[in-house]
All heavy atoms as atom14 arrays in JSON, in Angstrom:
{
  "sequence": "LEREHDNLRGALAWLVEHGRAEGAVRLAGALARFWEMHGHVAEGR",
  "atom14_mask": [
    [1, 1, 1, 1, 1, 1, 1, 1, 0, 0, 0, 0, 0, 0],
    [1, 1, 1, 1, 1, 1, 1, 1, 1, 0, 0, 0, 0, 0],
    [1, 1, 1, 1, 1, 1, 1, 1, 1, 1, 1, 0, 0, 0],
    [1, 1, 1, 1, 1, 1, 1, 1, 1, 0, 0, 0, 0, 0],
    [1, 1, 1, 1, 1, 1, 1, 1, 1, 1, 0, 0, 0, 0],
    [1, 1, 1, 1, 1, 1, 1, 1, 0, 0, 0, 0, 0, 0],
    [1, 1, 1, 1, 1, 1, 1, 1, 0, 0, 0, 0, 0, 0],
    [1, 1, 1, 1, 1, 1, 1, 1, 0, 0, 0, 0, 0, 0],
    [1, 1, 1, 1, 1, 1, 1, 1, 1, 1, 1, 0, 0, 0],
    [1, 1, 1, 1, 0, 0, 0, 0, 0, 0, 0, 0, 0, 0],
    [1, 1, 1, 1, 1, 0, 0, 0, 0, 0, 0, 0, 0, 0],
    [1, 1, 1, 1, 1, 1, 1, 1, 0, 0, 0, 0, 0, 0],
    [1, 1, 1, 1, 1, 0, 0, 0, 0, 0, 0, 0, 0, 0],
    [1, 1, 1, 1, 1, 1, 1, 1, 1, 1, 1, 1, 1, 1],
    [1, 1, 1, 1, 1, 1, 1, 1, 0, 0, 0, 0, 0, 0],
    [1, 1, 1, 1, 1, 1, 1, 0, 0, 0, 0, 0, 0, 0],
    [1, 1, 1, 1, 1, 1, 1, 1, 1, 0, 0, 0, 0, 0],
    [1, 1, 1, 1, 1, 1, 1, 1, 1, 1, 0, 0, 0, 0],
    [1, 1, 1, 1, 0, 0, 0, 0, 0, 0, 0, 0, 0, 0],
    [1, 1, 1, 1, 1, 1, 1, 1, 1, 1, 1, 0, 0, 0],
    [1, 1, 1, 1, 1, 0, 0, 0, 0, 0, 0, 0, 0, 0],
    [1, 1, 1, 1, 1, 1, 1, 1, 1, 0, 0, 0, 0, 0],
    [1, 1, 1, 1, 0, 0, 0, 0, 0, 0, 0, 0, 0, 0],
    [1, 1, 1, 1, 1, 0, 0, 0, 0, 0, 0, 0, 0, 0],
    [1, 1, 1, 1, 1, 1, 1, 0, 0, 0, 0, 0, 0, 0],
    [1, 1, 1, 1, 1, 1, 1, 1, 1, 1, 1, 0, 0, 0],
    [1, 1, 1, 1, 1, 1, 1, 1, 0, 0, 0, 0, 0, 0],
    [1, 1, 1, 1, 1, 0, 0, 0, 0, 0, 0, 0, 0, 0],
    [1, 1, 1, 1, 0, 0, 0, 0, 0, 0, 0, 0, 0, 0],
    [1, 1, 1, 1, 1, 0, 0, 0, 0, 0, 0, 0, 0, 0],
    [1, 1, 1, 1, 1, 1, 1, 1, 0, 0, 0, 0, 0, 0],
    [1, 1, 1, 1, 1, 0, 0, 0, 0, 0, 0, 0, 0, 0],
    [1, 1, 1, 1, 1, 1, 1, 1, 1, 1, 1, 0, 0, 0],
    [1, 1, 1, 1, 1, 1, 1, 1, 1, 1, 1, 0, 0, 0],
    [1, 1, 1, 1, 1, 1, 1, 1, 1, 1, 1, 1, 1, 1],
    [1, 1, 1, 1, 1, 1, 1, 1, 1, 0, 0, 0, 0, 0],
    [1, 1, 1, 1, 1, 1, 1, 1, 0, 0, 0, 0, 0, 0],
    [1, 1, 1, 1, 1, 1, 1, 1, 1, 1, 0, 0, 0, 0],
    [1, 1, 1, 1, 0, 0, 0, 0, 0, 0, 0, 0, 0, 0],
    [1, 1, 1, 1, 1, 1, 1, 1, 1, 1, 0, 0, 0, 0],
    [1, 1, 1, 1, 1, 1, 1, 0, 0, 0, 0, 0, 0, 0],
    [1, 1, 1, 1, 1, 0, 0, 0, 0, 0, 0, 0, 0, 0],
    [1, 1, 1, 1, 1, 1, 1, 1, 1, 0, 0, 0, 0, 0],
    [1, 1, 1, 1, 0, 0, 0, 0, 0, 0, 0, 0, 0, 0],
    [1, 1, 1, 1, 1, 1, 1, 1, 1, 1, 1, 0, 0, 0]
  ],
  "atom14_positions": [
    [[9.68, 2.86, -5.98], [8.41, 2.34, -5.46], [7.74, 1.4, -6.45], [7.16, 0.38, -6.06], [7.47, 3.49, -5.07], [7.9, 4.32, -3.87], [6.97, 5.51, -3.69], [7.96, 3.47, -2.6], [0.0, 0.0, 0.0], [0.0, 0.0, 0.0], [0.0, 0.0, 0.0], [0.0, 0.0, 0.0], [0.0, 0.0, 0.0], [0.0, 0.0, 0.0]],
    [[7.81, 1.73, -7.73], [7.23, 0.84, -8.75], [7.96, -0.5, -8.76], [7.33, -1.56, -8.85], [7.28, 1.5, -10.12], [6.46, 0.79, -11.17], [4.96, 0.81, -10.89], [4.38, 1.88, -10.7], [4.37, -0.3, -10.84], [0.0, 0.0, 0.0], [0.0, 0.0, 0.0], [0.0, 0.0, 0.0], [0.0, 0.0, 0.0], [0.0, 0.0, 0.0]],
    [[9.27, -0.45, -8.65], [10.06, -1.69, -8.62], [9.69, -2.55, -7.41], [9.69, -3.77, -7.49], [11.54, -1.34, -8.57], [12.48, -2.51, -8.74], [13.91, -2.07, -8.82], [13.85, -0.66, -9.02], [14.81, 0.24, -9.07], [15.96, -0.08, -8.95], [14.65, 1.5, -9.24], [0.0, 0.0, 0.0], [0.0, 0.0, 0.0], [0.0, 0.0, 0.0]],
    [[9.38, -1.92, -6.3], [9.05, -2.64, -5.06], [7.55, -2.82, -4.85], [7.12, -3.26, -3.79], [9.65, -1.9, -3.86], [11.15, -1.82, -3.85], [11.85, -3.18, -3.73], [11.19, -4.17, -3.35], [13.05, -3.25, -4.03], [0.0, 0.0, 0.0], [0.0, 0.0, 0.0], [0.0, 0.0, 0.0], [0.0, 0.0, 0.0], [0.0, 0.0, 0.0]],
    [[6.76, -2.49, -5.86], [5.3, -2.49, -5.7], [4.76, -3.84, -5.22], [3.9, -3.89, -4.35], [4.62, -2.02, -6.98], [3.24, -1.5, -6.76], [2.38, -1.26, -7.79], [2.55, -1.18, -5.63], [1.22, -0.82, -7.3], [1.31, -0.76, -6.01], [0.0, 0.0, 0.0], [0.0, 0.0, 0.0], [0.0, 0.0, 0.0], [0.0, 0.0, 0.0]],
    [[5.24, -4.94, -5.77], [4.77, -6.25, -5.32], [5.11, -6.48, -3.84], [4.3, -7.03, -3.09], [5.35, -7.38, -6.17], [4.68, -7.48, -7.54], [3.54, -6.97, -7.69], [5.29, -8.06, -8.45], [0.0, 0.0, 0.0], [0.0, 0.0, 0.0], [0.0, 0.0, 0.0], [0.0, 0.0, 0.0], [0.0, 0.0, 0.0], [0.0, 0.0, 0.0]],
    [[6.3, -6.06, -3.43], [6.67, -6.17, -2.01], [5.76, -5.31, -1.14], [5.31, -5.74, -0.07], [8.13, -5.75, -1.79], [9.09, -6.87, -2.04], [8.84, -8.01, -1.66], [10.19, -6.57, -2.68], [0.0, 0.0, 0.0], [0.0, 0.0, 0.0], [0.0, 0.0, 0.0], [0.0, 0.0, 0.0], [0.0, 0.0, 0.0], [0.0, 0.0, 0.0]],
    [[5.49, -4.1, -1.59], [4.63, -3.18, -0.83], [3.22, -3.73, -0.73], [2.61, -3.68, 0.35], [4.65, -1.8, -1.49], [6.02, -1.1, -1.5], [6.03, 0.04, -2.5], [6.4, -0.63, -0.11], [0.0, 0.0, 0.0], [0.0, 0.0, 0.0], [0.0, 0.0, 0.0], [0.0, 0.0, 0.0], [0.0, 0.0, 0.0], [0.0, 0.0, 0.0]],
    [[2.7, -4.26, -1.83], [1.37, -4.9, -1.81], [1.34, -6.05, -0.82], [0.39, -6.2, -0.05], [1.03, -5.47, -3.18], [0.58, -4.51, -4.2], [0.23, -5.3, -5.47], [-0.07, -4.44, -6.57], [0.67, -4.33, -7.67], [1.77, -5.03, -7.83], [0.31, -3.51, -8.63], [0.0, 0.0, 0.0], [0.0, 0.0, 0.0], [0.0, 0.0, 0.0]],
    [[2.35, -6.89, -0.89], [2.42, -8.05, -0.01], [2.47, -7.66, 1.45], [1.79, -8.26, 2.3], [0.0, 0.0, 0.0], [0.0, 0.0, 0.0], [0.0, 0.0, 0.0], [0.0, 0.0, 0.0], [0.0, 0.0, 0.0], [0.0, 0.0, 0.0], [0.0, 0.0, 0.0], [0.0, 0.0, 0.0], [0.0, 0.0, 0.0], [0.0, 0.0, 0.0]],
    [[3.27, -6.66, 1.76], [3.37, -6.2, 3.15], [2.06, -5.62, 3.63], [1.61, -5.9, 4.75], [4.49, -5.15, 3.27], [0.0, 0.0, 0.0], [0.0, 0.0, 0.0], [0.0, 0.0, 0.0], [0.0, 0.0, 0.0], [0.0, 0.0, 0.0], [0.0, 0.0, 0.0], [0.0, 0.0, 0.0], [0.0, 0.0, 0.0], [0.0, 0.0, 0.0]],
    [[1.41, -4.84, 2.78], [0.13, -4.24, 3.17], [-0.93, -5.32, 3.37], [-1.7, -5.28, 4.33], [-0.31, -3.21, 2.13], [-1.55, -2.39, 2.46], [-1.45, -1.73, 3.83], [-1.77, -1.34, 1.39], [0.0, 0.0, 0.0], [0.0, 0.0, 0.0], [0.0, 0.0, 0.0], [0.0, 0.0, 0.0], [0.0, 0.0, 0.0], [0.0, 0.0, 0.0]],
    [[-0.97, -6.3, 2.47], [-1.93, -7.4, 2.62], [-1.68, -8.15, 3.93], [-2.63, -8.48, 4.65], [-1.82, -8.36, 1.43], [0.0, 0.0, 0.0], [0.0, 0.0, 0.0], [0.0, 0.0, 0.0], [0.0, 0.0, 0.0], [0.0, 0.0, 0.0], [0.0, 0.0, 0.0], [0.0, 0.0, 0.0], [0.0, 0.0, 0.0], [0.0, 0.0, 0.0]],
    [[-0.43, -8.4, 4.26], [-0.1, -9.1, 5.49], [-0.53, -8.28, 6.71], [-1.11, -8.82, 7.65], [1.4, -9.42, 5.56], [1.74, -10.23, 6.77], [1.66, -11.59, 6.9], [2.2, -9.73, 8.03], [2.03, -11.95, 8.17], [2.37, -10.83, 8.87], [2.48, -8.45, 8.51], [2.81, -10.71, 10.19], [2.91, -8.33, 9.82], [3.08, -9.44, 10.65]],
    [[-0.26, -6.98, 6.69], [-0.66, -6.11, 7.8], [-2.17, -6.14, 8.01], [-2.65, -6.23, 9.14], [-0.17, -4.69, 7.57], [1.34, -4.47, 7.68], [1.74, -3.13, 7.07], [1.79, -4.55, 9.14], [0.0, 0.0, 0.0], [0.0, 0.0, 0.0], [0.0, 0.0, 0.0], [0.0, 0.0, 0.0], [0.0, 0.0, 0.0], [0.0, 0.0, 0.0]],
    [[-2.92, -6.06, 6.92], [-4.38, -6.08, 7.01], [-4.86, -7.44, 7.52], [-5.67, -7.52, 8.45], [-5.04, -5.74, 5.64], [-6.54, -5.99, 5.67], [-4.75, -4.28, 5.28], [0.0, 0.0, 0.0], [0.0, 0.0, 0.0], [0.0, 0.0, 0.0], [0.0, 0.0, 0.0], [0.0, 0.0, 0.0], [0.0, 0.0, 0.0], [0.0, 0.0, 0.0]],
    [[-4.34, -8.52, 6.94], [-4.76, -9.87, 7.33], [-4.46, -10.17, 8.8], [-5.18, -10.95, 9.42], [-4.06, -10.91, 6.45], [-4.56, -10.97, 5.04], [-3.67, -11.8, 4.12], [-2.83, -12.58, 4.63], [-3.82, -11.67, 2.9], [0.0, 0.0, 0.0], [0.0, 0.0, 0.0], [0.0, 0.0, 0.0], [0.0, 0.0, 0.0], [0.0, 0.0, 0.0]],
    [[-3.41, -9.58, 9.32], [-3.01, -9.86, 10.7], [-3.43, -8.77, 11.69], [-2.93, -8.73, 12.81], [-1.51, -10.13, 10.76], [-1.16, -11.45, 10.14], [-1.03, -11.62, 8.78], [-0.99, -12.68, 10.69], [-0.76, -12.88, 8.53], [-0.74, -13.55, 9.66], [0.0, 0.0, 0.0], [0.0, 0.0, 0.0], [0.0, 0.0, 0.0], [0.0, 0.0, 0.0]],
    [[-4.34, -7.9, 11.26], [-4.91, -6.92, 12.18], [-3.95, -5.85, 12.66], [-4.17, -5.25, 13.71], [0.0, 0.0, 0.0], [0.0, 0.0, 0.0], [0.0, 0.0, 0.0], [0.0, 0.0, 0.0], [0.0, 0.0, 0.0], [0.0, 0.0, 0.0], [0.0, 0.0, 0.0], [0.0, 0.0, 0.0], [0.0, 0.0, 0.0], [0.0, 0.0, 0.0]],
    [[-2.92, -5.57, 11.9], [-1.94, -4.54, 12.27], [-2.42, -3.2, 11.71], [-1.92, -2.71, 10.7], [-0.56, -4.88, 11.74], [0.01, -6.23, 12.15], [0.29, -6.31, 13.61], [1.25, -7.25, 14.12], [1.46, -8.51, 13.84], [0.81, -9.07, 12.86], [2.35, -9.23, 14.48], [0.0, 0.0, 0.0], [0.0, 0.0, 0.0], [0.0, 0.0, 0.0]],
    [[-3.43, -2.62, 12.37], [-4.1, -1.42, 11.85], [-3.15, -0.24, 11.67], [-3.16, 0.41, 10.62], [-5.26, -1.03, 12.77], [0.0, 0.0, 0.0], [0.0, 0.0, 0.0], [0.0, 0.0, 0.0], [0.0, 0.0, 0.0], [0.0, 0.0, 0.0], [0.0, 0.0, 0.0], [0.0, 0.0, 0.0], [0.0, 0.0, 0.0], [0.0, 0.0, 0.0]],
    [[-2.34, 0.04, 12.68], [-1.46, 1.21, 12.56], [-0.51, 1.08, 11.39], [-0.37, 2.0, 10.57], [-0.66, 1.43, 13.84], [0.26, 2.63, 13.72], [1.09, 2.93, 14.96], [0.84, 2.35, 16.03], [2.01, 3.77, 14.84], [0.0, 0.0, 0.0], [0.0, 0.0, 0.0], [0.0, 0.0, 0.0], [0.0, 0.0, 0.0], [0.0, 0.0, 0.0]],
    [[0.14, -0.06, 11.25], [1.08, -0.27, 10.15], [0.39, -0.2, 8.8], [0.91, 0.4, 7.86], [0.0, 0.0, 0.0], [0.0, 0.0, 0.0], [0.0, 0.0, 0.0], [0.0, 0.0, 0.0], [0.0, 0.0, 0.0], [0.0, 0.0, 0.0], [0.0, 0.0, 0.0], [0.0, 0.0, 0.0], [0.0, 0.0, 0.0], [0.0, 0.0, 0.0]],
    [[-0.81, -0.79, 8.72], [-1.55, -0.79, 7.45], [-1.94, 0.63, 7.05], [-1.78, 1.02, 5.89], [-2.78, -1.68, 7.56], [0.0, 0.0, 0.0], [0.0, 0.0, 0.0], [0.0, 0.0, 0.0], [0.0, 0.0, 0.0], [0.0, 0.0, 0.0], [0.0, 0.0, 0.0], [0.0, 0.0, 0.0], [0.0, 0.0, 0.0], [0.0, 0.0, 0.0]],
    [[-2.45, 1.39, 8.0], [-2.88, 2.77, 7.7], [-1.68, 3.64, 7.36], [-1.73, 4.43, 6.4], [-3.7, 3.35, 8.87], [-3.95, 4.84, 8.68], [-5.03, 2.61, 9.0], [0.0, 0.0, 0.0], [0.0, 0.0, 0.0], [0.0, 0.0, 0.0], [0.0, 0.0, 0.0], [0.0, 0.0, 0.0], [0.0, 0.0, 0.0], [0.0, 0.0, 0.0]],
    [[-0.59, 3.48, 8.09], [0.61, 4.27, 7.79], [1.17, 3.93, 6.42], [1.53, 4.83, 5.64], [1.67, 4.05, 8.86], [1.39, 4.78, 10.16], [2.41, 4.48, 11.24], [3.78, 4.74, 10.79], [4.86, 4.2, 11.37], [4.74, 3.38, 12.4], [6.05, 4.49, 10.92], [0.0, 0.0, 0.0], [0.0, 0.0, 0.0], [0.0, 0.0, 0.0]],
    [[1.24, 2.64, 6.09], [1.8, 2.24, 4.8], [0.9, 2.7, 3.66], [1.38, 3.3, 2.69], [2.0, 0.72, 4.76], [2.6, 0.15, 3.47], [3.93, 0.82, 3.12], [2.78, -1.36, 3.6], [0.0, 0.0, 0.0], [0.0, 0.0, 0.0], [0.0, 0.0, 0.0], [0.0, 0.0, 0.0], [0.0, 0.0, 0.0], [0.0, 0.0, 0.0]],
    [[-0.39, 2.47, 3.78], [-1.32, 2.88, 2.71], [-1.3, 4.41, 2.55], [-1.29, 4.92, 1.42], [-2.73, 2.38, 3.01], [0.0, 0.0, 0.0], [0.0, 0.0, 0.0], [0.0, 0.0, 0.0], [0.0, 0.0, 0.0], [0.0, 0.0, 0.0], [0.0, 0.0, 0.0], [0.0, 0.0, 0.0], [0.0, 0.0, 0.0], [0.0, 0.0, 0.0]],
    [[-1.28, 5.12, 3.66], [-1.24, 6.59, 3.6], [0.03, 7.1, 2.93], [0.0, 8.06, 2.15], [0.0, 0.0, 0.0], [0.0, 0.0, 0.0], [0.0, 0.0, 0.0], [0.0, 0.0, 0.0], [0.0, 0.0, 0.0], [0.0, 0.0, 0.0], [0.0, 0.0, 0.0], [0.0, 0.0, 0.0], [0.0, 0.0, 0.0], [0.0, 0.0, 0.0]],
    [[1.15, 6.45, 3.21], [2.42, 6.86, 2.61], [2.48, 6.55, 1.12], [3.2, 7.21, 0.38], [3.59, 6.18, 3.34], [0.0, 0.0, 0.0], [0.0, 0.0, 0.0], [0.0, 0.0, 0.0], [0.0, 0.0, 0.0], [0.0, 0.0, 0.0], [0.0, 0.0, 0.0], [0.0, 0.0, 0.0], [0.0, 0.0, 0.0], [0.0, 0.0, 0.0]],
    [[1.7, 5.57, 0.67], [1.73, 5.17, -0.74], [0.69, 5.89, -1.6], [0.72, 5.77, -2.83], [1.53, 3.66, -0.85], [2.68, 2.8, -0.35], [2.28, 1.33, -0.33], [3.93, 3.02, -1.18], [0.0, 0.0, 0.0], [0.0, 0.0, 0.0], [0.0, 0.0, 0.0], [0.0, 0.0, 0.0], [0.0, 0.0, 0.0], [0.0, 0.0, 0.0]],
    [[-0.22, 6.62, -0.99], [-1.34, 7.22, -1.73], [-0.86, 8.09, -2.9], [-1.39, 7.99, -4.01], [-2.23, 8.03, -0.79], [0.0, 0.0, 0.0], [0.0, 0.0, 0.0], [0.0, 0.0, 0.0], [0.0, 0.0, 0.0], [0.0, 0.0, 0.0], [0.0, 0.0, 0.0], [0.0, 0.0, 0.0], [0.0, 0.0, 0.0], [0.0, 0.0, 0.0]],
    [[0.09, 8.94, -2.67], [0.59, 9.83, -3.73], [1.22, 9.02, -4.87], [1.02, 9.31, -6.04], [1.59, 10.83, -3.14], [2.21, 11.76, -4.14], [1.38, 13.0, -4.33], [2.11, 13.92, -5.18], [1.54, 14.72, -6.05], [0.24, 14.77, -6.14], [2.25, 15.52, -6.8], [0.0, 0.0, 0.0], [0.0, 0.0, 0.0], [0.0, 0.0, 0.0]],
    [[2.0, 7.99, -4.53], [2.59, 7.11, -5.53], [1.49, 6.46, -6.37], [1.57, 6.44, -7.61], [3.45, 6.04, -4.85], [3.7, 4.83, -5.7], [4.52, 4.89, -6.82], [3.11, 3.61, -5.37], [4.74, 3.76, -7.6], [3.33, 2.48, -6.15], [4.14, 2.55, -7.26], [0.0, 0.0, 0.0], [0.0, 0.0, 0.0], [0.0, 0.0, 0.0]],
    [[0.47, 5.91, -5.71], [-0.62, 5.26, -6.44], [-1.29, 6.25, -7.4], [-1.61, 5.91, -8.51], [-1.64, 4.67, -5.48], [-1.17, 3.44, -4.76], [-0.32, 2.48, -5.23], [-1.53, 3.04, -3.45], [-0.14, 1.51, -4.28], [-0.86, 1.82, -3.18], [-2.35, 3.59, -2.45], [-0.99, 1.14, -1.97], [-2.48, 2.9, -1.25], [-1.81, 1.7, -1.02]],
    [[-1.49, 7.48, -6.93], [-2.11, 8.49, -7.78], [-1.23, 8.83, -8.98], [-1.69, 8.87, -10.11], [-2.39, 9.75, -6.95], [-3.06, 10.85, -7.74], [-3.29, 12.12, -6.92], [-2.94, 12.15, -5.72], [-3.83, 13.08, -7.5], [0.0, 0.0, 0.0], [0.0, 0.0, 0.0], [0.0, 0.0, 0.0], [0.0, 0.0, 0.0], [0.0, 0.0, 0.0]],
    [[0.05, 9.04, -8.73], [0.96, 9.47, -9.79], [1.26, 8.38, -10.81], [1.54, 8.68, -11.96], [2.27, 9.98, -9.18], [2.09, 11.24, -8.34], [3.62, 11.74, -7.55], [4.44, 12.52, -8.94], [0.0, 0.0, 0.0], [0.0, 0.0, 0.0], [0.0, 0.0, 0.0], [0.0, 0.0, 0.0], [0.0, 0.0, 0.0], [0.0, 0.0, 0.0]],
    [[1.19, 7.12, -10.38], [1.53, 6.02, -11.28], [0.32, 5.26, -11.8], [0.46, 4.19, -12.39], [2.53, 5.07, -10.6], [3.93, 5.35, -10.99], [4.84, 4.37, -11.28], [4.59, 6.52, -11.18], [5.99, 4.92, -11.61], [5.86, 6.22, -11.55], [0.0, 0.0, 0.0], [0.0, 0.0, 0.0], [0.0, 0.0, 0.0], [0.0, 0.0, 0.0]],
    [[-0.87, 5.85, -11.6], [-2.05, 5.28, -12.21], [-2.62, 4.04, -11.54], [-3.41, 3.32, -12.14], [0.0, 0.0, 0.0], [0.0, 0.0, 0.0], [0.0, 0.0, 0.0], [0.0, 0.0, 0.0], [0.0, 0.0, 0.0], [0.0, 0.0, 0.0], [0.0, 0.0, 0.0], [0.0, 0.0, 0.0], [0.0, 0.0, 0.0], [0.0, 0.0, 0.0]],
    [[-2.24, 3.8, -10.31], [-2.77, 2.67, -9.55], [-3.96, 3.15, -8.69], [-4.07, 2.82, -7.51], [-1.7, 2.06, -8.64], [-0.47, 1.62, -9.36], [-0.46, 0.53, -10.21], [0.8, 2.1, -9.35], [0.76, 0.37, -10.7], [1.54, 1.32, -10.2], [0.0, 0.0, 0.0], [0.0, 0.0, 0.0], [0.0, 0.0, 0.0], [0.0, 0.0, 0.0]],
    [[-4.81, 3.95, -9.28], [-5.87, 4.65, -8.55], [-6.89, 3.69, -7.94], [-7.18, 3.77, -6.75], [-6.55, 5.71, -9.44], [-7.7, 6.39, -8.72], [-5.52, 6.74, -9.9], [0.0, 0.0, 0.0], [0.0, 0.0, 0.0], [0.0, 0.0, 0.0], [0.0, 0.0, 0.0], [0.0, 0.0, 0.0], [0.0, 0.0, 0.0], [0.0, 0.0, 0.0]],
    [[-7.44, 2.81, -8.73], [-8.47, 1.88, -8.22], [-7.89, 0.96, -7.15], [-8.49, 0.75, -6.09], [-9.08, 1.08, -9.35], [0.0, 0.0, 0.0], [0.0, 0.0, 0.0], [0.0, 0.0, 0.0], [0.0, 0.0, 0.0], [0.0, 0.0, 0.0], [0.0, 0.0, 0.0], [0.0, 0.0, 0.0], [0.0, 0.0, 0.0], [0.0, 0.0, 0.0]],
    [[-6.7, 0.43, -7.42], [-6.05, -0.45, -6.44], [-5.73, 0.31, -5.16], [-5.99, -0.18, -4.05], [-4.76, -1.02, -7.04], [-4.0, -1.89, -6.07], [-2.66, -2.35, -6.6], [-2.16, -1.8, -7.62], [-2.09, -3.27, -5.99], [0.0, 0.0, 0.0], [0.0, 0.0, 0.0], [0.0, 0.0, 0.0], [0.0, 0.0, 0.0], [0.0, 0.0, 0.0]],
    [[-5.18, 1.5, -5.3], [-4.83, 2.3, -4.13], [-6.07, 2.63, -3.3], [-6.04, 2.56, -2.07], [0.0, 0.0, 0.0], [0.0, 0.0, 0.0], [0.0, 0.0, 0.0], [0.0, 0.0, 0.0], [0.0, 0.0, 0.0], [0.0, 0.0, 0.0], [0.0, 0.0, 0.0], [0.0, 0.0, 0.0], [0.0, 0.0, 0.0], [0.0, 0.0, 0.0]],
    [[-7.14, 2.98, -3.99], [-8.39, 3.29, -3.27], [-8.86, 2.07, -2.48], [-9.21, 2.19, -1.31], [-9.46, 3.73, -4.26], [-10.8, 4.0, -3.59], [-11.84, 4.47, -4.57], [-13.13, 4.65, -3.9], [-14.17, 5.25, -4.44], [-14.08, 5.76, -5.65], [-15.3, 5.35, -3.77], [0.0, 0.0, 0.0], [0.0, 0.0, 0.0], [0.0, 0.0, 0.0]]
  ]
}
């Protein structure tokens, strides 16, 4: 996940920008634990 973090950020930004609510919420929800464990707390929030 850390290796793909830029890809994950990009995908999430695209989902948000294009109004894809379900995909954005699912992706962000699935990444929450990773963000917490790897210290990306402010960004994840």
